[in-house]
PDB file of N, CA and C in Angstrom:
ATOM      1  N   MET A   1     -79.447 -45.944 -39.507  1.00  0.00           N
ATOM      2  CA  MET A   1     -78.522 -46.923 -38.972  1.00  0.00           C
ATOM      3  C   MET A   1     -77.376 -46.146 -38.304  1.00  0.00           C
ATOM      4  N   ASN A   2     -77.149 -46.410 -37.039  1.00  0.00           N
ATOM      5  CA  ASN A   2     -76.067 -45.679 -36.389  1.00  0.00           C
ATOM      6  C   ASN A   2     -74.729 -46.368 -36.633  1.00  0.00           C
ATOM      7  N   VAL A   3     -73.668 -45.735 -36.180  1.00  0.00           N
ATOM      8  CA  VAL A   3     -72.312 -46.200 -36.474  1.00  0.00           C
ATOM      9  C   VAL A   3     -72.030 -47.536 -35.795  1.00  0.00           C
ATOM     10  N   PHE A   4     -72.501 -47.707 -34.574  1.00  0.00           N
ATOM     11  CA  PHE A   4     -72.242 -48.952 -33.854  1.00  0.00           C
ATOM     12  C   PHE A   4     -72.864 -50.157 -34.560  1.00  0.00           C
ATOM     13  N   GLN A   5     -74.074 -49.983 -35.066  1.00  0.00           N
ATOM     14  CA  GLN A   5     -74.722 -51.090 -35.788  1.00  0.00           C
ATOM     15  C   GLN A   5     -73.986 -51.385 -37.086  1.00  0.00           C
ATOM     16  N   LEU A   6     -73.484 -50.331 -37.754  1.00  0.00           N
ATOM     17  CA  LEU A   6     -72.731 -50.527 -38.994  1.00  0.00           C
ATOM     18  C   LEU A   6     -71.441 -51.296 -38.727  1.00  0.00           C
ATOM     19  N   VAL A   7     -70.749 -50.948 -37.640  1.00  0.00           N
ATOM     20  CA  VAL A   7     -69.498 -51.635 -37.303  1.00  0.00           C
ATOM     21  C   VAL A   7     -69.779 -53.087 -36.918  1.00  0.00           C
ATOM     22  N   MET A   8     -70.864 -53.341 -36.218  1.00  0.00           N
ATOM     23  CA  MET A   8     -71.179 -54.719 -35.840  1.00  0.00           C
ATOM     24  C   MET A   8     -71.578 -55.548 -37.064  1.00  0.00           C
ATOM     25  N   LYS A   9     -72.151 -54.903 -38.060  1.00  0.00           N
ATOM     26  CA  LYS A   9     -72.540 -55.624 -39.273  1.00  0.00           C
ATOM     27  C   LYS A   9     -71.326 -55.874 -40.174  1.00  0.00           C
ATOM     28  N   LYS A  10     -70.454 -54.871 -40.296  1.00  0.00           N
ATOM     29  CA  LYS A  10     -69.257 -54.990 -41.146  1.00  0.00           C
ATOM     30  C   LYS A  10     -68.025 -54.890 -40.268  1.00  0.00           C
ATOM     31  N   LYS A  11     -67.550 -56.017 -39.794  1.00  0.00           N
ATOM     32  CA  LYS A  11     -66.449 -56.054 -38.847  1.00  0.00           C
ATOM     33  C   LYS A  11     -65.110 -55.678 -39.472  1.00  0.00           C
ATOM     34  N   GLU A  12     -65.010 -55.654 -40.794  1.00  0.00           N
ATOM     35  CA  GLU A  12     -63.757 -55.258 -41.438  1.00  0.00           C
ATOM     36  C   GLU A  12     -63.480 -53.763 -41.306  1.00  0.00           C
ATOM     37  N   LEU A  13     -64.462 -52.996 -40.828  1.00  0.00           N
ATOM     38  CA  LEU A  13     -64.259 -51.565 -40.619  1.00  0.00           C
ATOM     39  C   LEU A  13     -63.564 -51.253 -39.296  1.00  0.00           C
ATOM     40  N   ILE A  14     -63.476 -52.220 -38.393  1.00  0.00           N
ATOM     41  CA  ILE A  14     -62.893 -51.980 -37.065  1.00  0.00           C
ATOM     42  C   ILE A  14     -61.436 -51.510 -37.150  1.00  0.00           C
ATOM     43  N   PRO A  15     -60.546 -52.171 -37.915  1.00  0.00           N
ATOM     44  CA  PRO A  15     -59.163 -51.664 -37.990  1.00  0.00           C
ATOM     45  C   PRO A  15     -59.082 -50.271 -38.635  1.00  0.00           C
ATOM     46  N   LEU A  16     -59.918 -50.029 -39.629  1.00  0.00           N
ATOM     47  CA  LEU A  16     -59.916 -48.719 -40.276  1.00  0.00           C
ATOM     48  C   LEU A  16     -60.316 -47.621 -39.299  1.00  0.00           C
ATOM     49  N   ILE A  17     -61.353 -47.877 -38.526  1.00  0.00           N
ATOM     50  CA  ILE A  17     -61.800 -46.895 -37.542  1.00  0.00           C
ATOM     51  C   ILE A  17     -60.740 -46.711 -36.463  1.00  0.00           C
ATOM     52  N   ALA A  18     -60.073 -47.774 -36.074  1.00  0.00           N
ATOM     53  CA  ALA A  18     -59.025 -47.688 -35.054  1.00  0.00           C
ATOM     54  C   ALA A  18     -57.849 -46.847 -35.557  1.00  0.00           C
ATOM     55  N   PHE A  19     -57.387 -47.106 -36.780  1.00  0.00           N
ATOM     56  CA  PHE A  19     -56.255 -46.349 -37.323  1.00  0.00           C
ATOM     57  C   PHE A  19     -56.594 -44.873 -37.512  1.00  0.00           C
ATOM     58  N   VAL A  20     -57.771 -44.596 -38.016  1.00  0.00           N
ATOM     59  CA  VAL A  20     -58.179 -43.201 -38.206  1.00  0.00           C
ATOM     60  C   VAL A  20     -58.336 -42.501 -36.859  1.00  0.00           C
ATOM     61  N   GLY A  21     -58.849 -43.202 -35.875  1.00  0.00           N
ATOM     62  CA  GLY A  21     -58.990 -42.620 -34.539  1.00  0.00           C
ATOM     63  C   GLY A  21     -57.637 -42.322 -33.902  1.00  0.00           C
ATOM     64  N   VAL A  22     -56.689 -43.265 -34.012  1.00  0.00           N
ATOM     65  CA  VAL A  22     -55.354 -43.045 -33.453  1.00  0.00           C
ATOM     66  C   VAL A  22     -54.649 -41.903 -34.182  1.00  0.00           C
ATOM     67  N   ALA A  23     -54.786 -41.830 -35.503  1.00  0.00           N
ATOM     68  CA  ALA A  23     -54.153 -40.747 -36.264  1.00  0.00           C
ATOM     69  C   ALA A  23     -54.757 -39.394 -35.893  1.00  0.00           C
ATOM     70  N   GLY A  24     -56.063 -39.334 -35.737  1.00  0.00           N
ATOM     71  CA  GLY A  24     -56.710 -38.074 -35.342  1.00  0.00           C
ATOM     72  C   GLY A  24     -56.307 -37.643 -33.948  1.00  0.00           C
ATOM     73  N   PHE A  25     -56.248 -38.601 -33.017  1.00  0.00           N
ATOM     74  CA  PHE A  25     -55.819 -38.286 -31.658  1.00  0.00           C
ATOM     75  C   PHE A  25     -54.365 -37.817 -31.652  1.00  0.00           C
ATOM     76  N   GLY A  26     -53.511 -38.475 -32.413  1.00  0.00           N
ATOM     77  CA  GLY A  26     -52.093 -38.085 -32.476  1.00  0.00           C
ATOM     78  C   GLY A  26     -51.912 -36.699 -33.057  1.00  0.00           C
ATOM     79  N   ALA A  27     -52.659 -36.369 -34.095  1.00  0.00           N
ATOM     80  CA  ALA A  27     -52.556 -35.042 -34.701  1.00  0.00           C
ATOM     81  C   ALA A  27     -53.042 -33.964 -33.742  1.00  0.00           C
ATOM     82  N   ALA A  28     -54.132 -34.227 -33.053  1.00  0.00           N
ATOM     83  CA  ALA A  28     -54.644 -33.248 -32.080  1.00  0.00           C
ATOM     84  C   ALA A  28     -53.667 -33.086 -30.916  1.00  0.00           C
ATOM     85  N   TYR A  29     -53.118 -34.191 -30.419  1.00  0.00           N
ATOM     86  CA  TYR A  29     -52.170 -34.126 -29.313  1.00  0.00           C
ATOM     87  C   TYR A  29     -50.914 -33.360 -29.719  1.00  0.00           C
ATOM     88  N   MET A  30     -50.384 -33.626 -30.900  1.00  0.00           N
ATOM     89  CA  MET A  30     -49.146 -32.965 -31.327  1.00  0.00           C
ATOM     90  C   MET A  30     -49.357 -31.475 -31.544  1.00  0.00           C
ATOM     91  N   SER A  31     -50.497 -31.087 -32.070  1.00  0.00           N
ATOM     92  CA  SER A  31     -50.743 -29.660 -32.272  1.00  0.00           C
ATOM     93  C   SER A  31     -50.904 -28.936 -30.943  1.00  0.00           C
ATOM     94  N   ILE A  32     -51.584 -29.545 -29.983  1.00  0.00           N
ATOM     95  CA  ILE A  32     -51.719 -28.925 -28.658  1.00  0.00           C
ATOM     96  C   ILE A  32     -50.375 -28.914 -27.942  1.00  0.00           C
ATOM     97  N   TYR A  33     -49.602 -29.971 -28.065  1.00  0.00           N
ATOM     98  CA  TYR A  33     -48.290 -30.034 -27.427  1.00  0.00           C
ATOM     99  C   TYR A  33     -47.367 -28.962 -27.972  1.00  0.00           C
ATOM    100  N   SER A  34     -47.344 -28.751 -29.286  1.00  0.00           N
ATOM    101  CA  SER A  34     -46.447 -27.742 -29.839  1.00  0.00           C
ATOM    102  C   SER A  34     -46.912 -26.326 -29.518  1.00  0.00           C
ATOM    103  N   LEU A  35     -48.190 -26.124 -29.283  1.00  0.00           N
ATOM    104  CA  LEU A  35     -48.645 -24.800 -28.856  1.00  0.00           C
ATOM    105  C   LEU A  35     -48.272 -24.513 -27.408  1.00  0.00           C
ATOM    106  N   LEU A  36     -48.277 -25.534 -26.565  1.00  0.00           N
ATOM    107  CA  LEU A  36     -47.988 -25.344 -25.149  1.00  0.00           C
ATOM    108  C   LEU A  36     -46.504 -25.473 -24.816  1.00  0.00           C
ATOM    109  N   LYS A  37     -45.701 -25.860 -25.782  1.00  0.00           N
ATOM    110  CA  LYS A  37     -44.285 -26.031 -25.567  1.00  0.00           C
ATOM    111  C   LYS A  37     -43.632 -24.672 -25.323  1.00  0.00           C
ATOM    112  N   ALA A  38     -42.577 -24.626 -24.553  1.00  0.00           N
ATOM    113  CA  ALA A  38     -41.957 -23.356 -24.179  1.00  0.00           C
ATOM    114  C   ALA A  38     -41.256 -22.673 -25.342  1.00  0.00           C
ATOM    115  N   ASP A  39     -40.814 -23.410 -26.349  1.00  0.00           N
ATOM    116  CA  ASP A  39     -40.093 -22.799 -27.463  1.00  0.00           C
ATOM    117  C   ASP A  39     -41.013 -22.084 -28.439  1.00  0.00           C
ATOM    118  N   VAL A  40     -42.292 -22.403 -28.414  1.00  0.00           N
ATOM    119  CA  VAL A  40     -43.238 -21.803 -29.337  1.00  0.00           C
ATOM    120  C   VAL A  40     -43.854 -20.568 -28.693  1.00  0.00           C
ATOM    121  N   ILE A  41     -43.832 -19.456 -29.424  1.00  0.00           N
ATOM    122  CA  ILE A  41     -44.401 -18.213 -28.908  1.00  0.00           C
ATOM    123  C   ILE A  41     -45.613 -17.872 -29.757  1.00  0.00           C
ATOM    124  N   VAL A  42     -46.767 -17.824 -29.129  1.00  0.00           N
ATOM    125  CA  VAL A  42     -47.998 -17.528 -29.842  1.00  0.00           C
ATOM    126  C   VAL A  42     -48.281 -16.032 -29.821  1.00  0.00           C
ATOM    127  N   ASN A  43     -47.980 -15.365 -28.705  1.00  0.00           N
ATOM    128  CA  ASN A  43     -48.249 -13.942 -28.567  1.00  0.00           C
ATOM    129  C   ASN A  43     -47.014 -13.160 -29.012  1.00  0.00           C
ATOM    130  N   ARG A  44     -47.054 -12.548 -30.168  1.00  0.00           N
ATOM    131  CA  ARG A  44     -45.888 -11.853 -30.685  1.00  0.00           C
ATOM    132  C   ARG A  44     -45.808 -10.402 -30.230  1.00  0.00           C
ATOM    133  N   HIS A  45     -46.846  -9.885 -29.566  1.00  0.00           N
ATOM    134  CA  HIS A  45     -46.843  -8.487 -29.153  1.00  0.00           C
ATOM    135  C   HIS A  45     -46.029  -8.262 -27.882  1.00  0.00           C
ATOM    136  N   THR A  46     -45.949  -9.269 -27.012  1.00  0.00           N
ATOM    137  CA  THR A  46     -45.176  -9.091 -25.791  1.00  0.00           C
ATOM    138  C   THR A  46     -43.687  -9.300 -26.019  1.00  0.00           C
ATOM    139  N   ASN A  47     -43.305 -10.066 -27.031  1.00  0.00           N
ATOM    140  CA  ASN A  47     -41.901 -10.317 -27.328  1.00  0.00           C
ATOM    141  C   ASN A  47     -41.716 -10.263 -28.842  1.00  0.00           C
ATOM    142  N   PRO A  48     -41.485  -9.071 -29.414  1.00  0.00           N
ATOM    143  CA  PRO A  48     -41.421  -8.974 -30.866  1.00  0.00           C
ATOM    144  C   PRO A  48     -40.163  -9.601 -31.478  1.00  0.00           C
ATOM    145  N   GLU A  49     -39.115  -9.810 -30.688  1.00  0.00           N
ATOM    146  CA  GLU A  49     -37.889 -10.419 -31.205  1.00  0.00           C
ATOM    147  C   GLU A  49     -37.535 -11.658 -30.377  1.00  0.00           C
ATOM    148  N   PRO A  50     -38.264 -12.756 -30.553  1.00  0.00           N
ATOM    149  CA  PRO A  50     -38.016 -13.938 -29.714  1.00  0.00           C
ATOM    150  C   PRO A  50     -36.707 -14.637 -30.036  1.00  0.00           C
ATOM    151  N   TRP A  51     -36.121 -14.399 -31.195  1.00  0.00           N
ATOM    152  CA  TRP A  51     -34.883 -15.068 -31.565  1.00  0.00           C
ATOM    153  C   TRP A  51     -33.709 -14.565 -30.733  1.00  0.00           C
ATOM    154  N   GLU A  52     -33.879 -13.437 -30.029  1.00  0.00           N
ATOM    155  CA  GLU A  52     -32.819 -12.940 -29.164  1.00  0.00           C
ATOM    156  C   GLU A  52     -32.676 -13.781 -27.898  1.00  0.00           C
ATOM    157  N   ASN A  53     -33.715 -14.504 -27.519  1.00  0.00           N
ATOM    158  CA  ASN A  53     -33.708 -15.272 -26.277  1.00  0.00           C
ATOM    159  C   ASN A  53     -33.451 -16.757 -26.479  1.00  0.00           C
ATOM    160  N   VAL A  54     -32.955 -17.163 -27.638  1.00  0.00           N
ATOM    161  CA  VAL A  54     -32.712 -18.576 -27.912  1.00  0.00           C
ATOM    162  C   VAL A  54     -31.415 -19.000 -27.237  1.00  0.00           C
ATOM    163  N   ASN A  55     -31.473 -20.091 -26.511  1.00  0.00           N
ATOM    164  CA  ASN A  55     -30.287 -20.624 -25.854  1.00  0.00           C
ATOM    165  C   ASN A  55     -29.474 -21.410 -26.870  1.00  0.00           C
ATOM    166  N   PRO A  56     -28.253 -20.987 -27.186  1.00  0.00           N
ATOM    167  CA  PRO A  56     -27.481 -21.679 -28.226  1.00  0.00           C
ATOM    168  C   PRO A  56     -27.001 -23.063 -27.811  1.00  0.00           C
ATOM    169  N   SER A  57     -26.940 -23.339 -26.520  1.00  0.00           N
ATOM    170  CA  SER A  57     -26.471 -24.657 -26.089  1.00  0.00           C
ATOM    171  C   SER A  57     -27.585 -25.700 -26.132  1.00  0.00           C
ATOM    172  N   LYS A  58     -28.838 -25.255 -26.266  1.00  0.00           N
ATOM    173  CA  LYS A  58     -29.969 -26.182 -26.325  1.00  0.00           C
ATOM    174  C   LYS A  58     -30.301 -26.479 -27.785  1.00  0.00           C
ATOM    175  N   PRO A  59     -30.377 -27.760 -28.177  1.00  0.00           N
ATOM    176  CA  PRO A  59     -30.705 -28.072 -29.567  1.00  0.00           C
ATOM    177  C   PRO A  59     -32.126 -27.620 -29.917  1.00  0.00           C
ATOM    178  N   GLN A  60     -32.294 -27.078 -31.112  1.00  0.00           N
ATOM    179  CA  GLN A  60     -33.579 -26.532 -31.523  1.00  0.00           C
ATOM    180  C   GLN A  60     -34.312 -27.434 -32.499  1.00  0.00           C
ATOM    181  N   LYS A  61     -33.771 -28.594 -32.805  1.00  0.00           N
ATOM    182  CA  LYS A  61     -34.422 -29.521 -33.722  1.00  0.00           C
ATOM    183  C   LYS A  61     -34.834 -30.776 -32.962  1.00  0.00           C
ATOM    184  N   LEU A  62     -35.608 -31.621 -33.592  1.00  0.00           N
ATOM    185  CA  LEU A  62     -35.960 -32.898 -32.980  1.00  0.00           C
ATOM    186  C   LEU A  62     -34.743 -33.816 -32.887  1.00  0.00           C
ATOM    187  N   VAL A  63     -33.910 -33.801 -33.931  1.00  0.00           N
ATOM    188  CA  VAL A  63     -32.700 -34.605 -33.949  1.00  0.00           C
ATOM    189  C   VAL A  63     -31.539 -33.689 -34.308  1.00  0.00           C
ATOM    190  N   THR A  64     -30.553 -33.605 -33.429  1.00  0.00           N
ATOM    191  CA  THR A  64     -29.372 -32.791 -33.685  1.00  0.00           C
ATOM    192  C   THR A  64     -28.154 -33.676 -33.509  1.00  0.00           C
ATOM    193  N   ILE A  65     -27.355 -33.781 -34.554  1.00  0.00           N
ATOM    194  CA  ILE A  65     -26.174 -34.625 -34.516  1.00  0.00           C
ATOM    195  C   ILE A  65     -24.948 -33.734 -34.573  1.00  0.00           C
ATOM    196  N   ASN A  66     -24.077 -33.856 -33.583  1.00  0.00           N
ATOM    197  CA  ASN A  66     -22.812 -33.122 -33.507  1.00  0.00           C
ATOM    198  C   ASN A  66     -22.993 -31.616 -33.637  1.00  0.00           C
ATOM    199  N   GLN A  67     -23.869 -31.053 -32.837  1.00  0.00           N
ATOM    200  CA  GLN A  67     -24.079 -29.611 -32.884  1.00  0.00           C
ATOM    201  C   GLN A  67     -23.008 -28.921 -32.055  1.00  0.00           C
ATOM    202  N   LYS A  68     -22.292 -28.014 -32.687  1.00  0.00           N
ATOM    203  CA  LYS A  68     -21.289 -27.213 -31.999  1.00  0.00           C
ATOM    204  C   LYS A  68     -21.569 -25.757 -32.349  1.00  0.00           C
ATOM    205  N   TRP A  69     -21.849 -24.979 -31.332  1.00  0.00           N
ATOM    206  CA  TRP A  69     -22.184 -23.585 -31.557  1.00  0.00           C
ATOM    207  C   TRP A  69     -20.987 -22.724 -31.222  1.00  0.00           C
ATOM    208  N   GLU A  70     -20.613 -21.867 -32.155  1.00  0.00           N
ATOM    209  CA  GLU A  70     -19.552 -20.898 -31.940  1.00  0.00           C
ATOM    210  C   GLU A  70     -20.071 -19.549 -32.396  1.00  0.00           C
ATOM    211  N   PRO A  71     -19.830 -18.503 -31.588  1.00  0.00           N
ATOM    212  CA  PRO A  71     -20.319 -17.188 -31.993  1.00  0.00           C
ATOM    213  C   PRO A  71     -19.557 -16.659 -33.214  1.00  0.00           C
ATOM    214  N   ILE A  72     -20.281 -15.997 -34.081  1.00  0.00           N
ATOM    215  CA  ILE A  72     -19.681 -15.379 -35.261  1.00  0.00           C
ATOM    216  C   ILE A  72     -19.304 -13.955 -34.875  1.00  0.00           C
ATOM    217  N   GLU A  73     -18.046 -13.620 -35.062  1.00  0.00           N
ATOM    218  CA  GLU A  73     -17.533 -12.337 -34.578  1.00  0.00           C
ATOM    219  C   GLU A  73     -18.228 -11.157 -35.239  1.00  0.00           C
ATOM    220  N   GLU A  74     -18.487 -11.249 -36.528  1.00  0.00           N
ATOM    221  CA  GLU A  74     -19.132 -10.146 -37.234  1.00  0.00           C
ATOM    222  C   GLU A  74     -20.532  -9.884 -36.697  1.00  0.00           C
ATOM    223  N   LEU A  75     -21.262 -10.970 -36.432  1.00  0.00           N
ATOM    224  CA  LEU A  75     -22.611 -10.801 -35.900  1.00  0.00           C
ATOM    225  C   LEU A  75     -22.593 -10.239 -34.486  1.00  0.00           C
ATOM    226  N   GLN A  76     -21.607 -10.617 -33.699  1.00  0.00           N
ATOM    227  CA  GLN A  76     -21.497 -10.080 -32.346  1.00  0.00           C
ATOM    228  C   GLN A  76     -21.186  -8.591 -32.368  1.00  0.00           C
ATOM    229  N   THR A  77     -20.332  -8.161 -33.278  1.00  0.00           N
ATOM    230  CA  THR A  77     -20.027  -6.720 -33.357  1.00  0.00           C
ATOM    231  C   THR A  77     -21.235  -5.938 -33.843  1.00  0.00           C
ATOM    232  N   VAL A  78     -21.978  -6.488 -34.805  1.00  0.00           N
ATOM    233  CA  VAL A  78     -23.192  -5.793 -35.281  1.00  0.00           C
ATOM    234  C   VAL A  78     -24.210  -5.724 -34.160  1.00  0.00           C
ATOM    235  N   LYS A  79     -24.345  -6.785 -33.396  1.00  0.00           N
ATOM    236  CA  LYS A  79     -25.293  -6.806 -32.283  1.00  0.00           C
ATOM    237  C   LYS A  79     -24.922  -5.765 -31.228  1.00  0.00           C
ATOM    238  N   GLN A  80     -23.621  -5.629 -30.946  1.00  0.00           N
ATOM    239  CA  GLN A  80     -23.172  -4.636 -29.975  1.00  0.00           C
ATOM    240  C   GLN A  80     -23.368  -3.217 -30.495  1.00  0.00           C
ATOM    241  N   LEU A  81     -23.184  -3.020 -31.800  1.00  0.00           N
ATOM    242  CA  LEU A  81     -23.357  -1.673 -32.356  1.00  0.00           C
ATOM    243  C   LEU A  81     -24.815  -1.240 -32.417  1.00  0.00           C
ATOM    244  N   THR A  82     -25.721  -2.210 -32.585  1.00  0.00           N
ATOM    245  CA  THR A  82     -27.138  -1.844 -32.697  1.00  0.00           C
ATOM    246  C   THR A  82     -27.814  -1.643 -31.355  1.00  0.00           C
ATOM    247  N   LYS A  83     -27.174  -2.061 -30.275  1.00  0.00           N
ATOM    248  CA  LYS A  83     -27.796  -1.881 -28.942  1.00  0.00           C
ATOM    249  C   LYS A  83     -27.551  -0.506 -28.407  1.00  0.00           C
TER     250      LYS A  83
END
């Protein structure tokens, strides 16, 4: 018995199949989207320190409320000394 005949015989499975299909499509889409997004780095050999290139004015979370970025003086001096 194939799937189509089973669904036609038991019509209560239609919403279940629809929800599972939408959830599977959403999970696949989100995983591909986050891999292709510019903030995600998959190849770590070409850029071993990607945190150096983060734009502080751009929010890095899905939801950012009242983000104010100010440089920390101690970290700036350490960064200048290590270069």
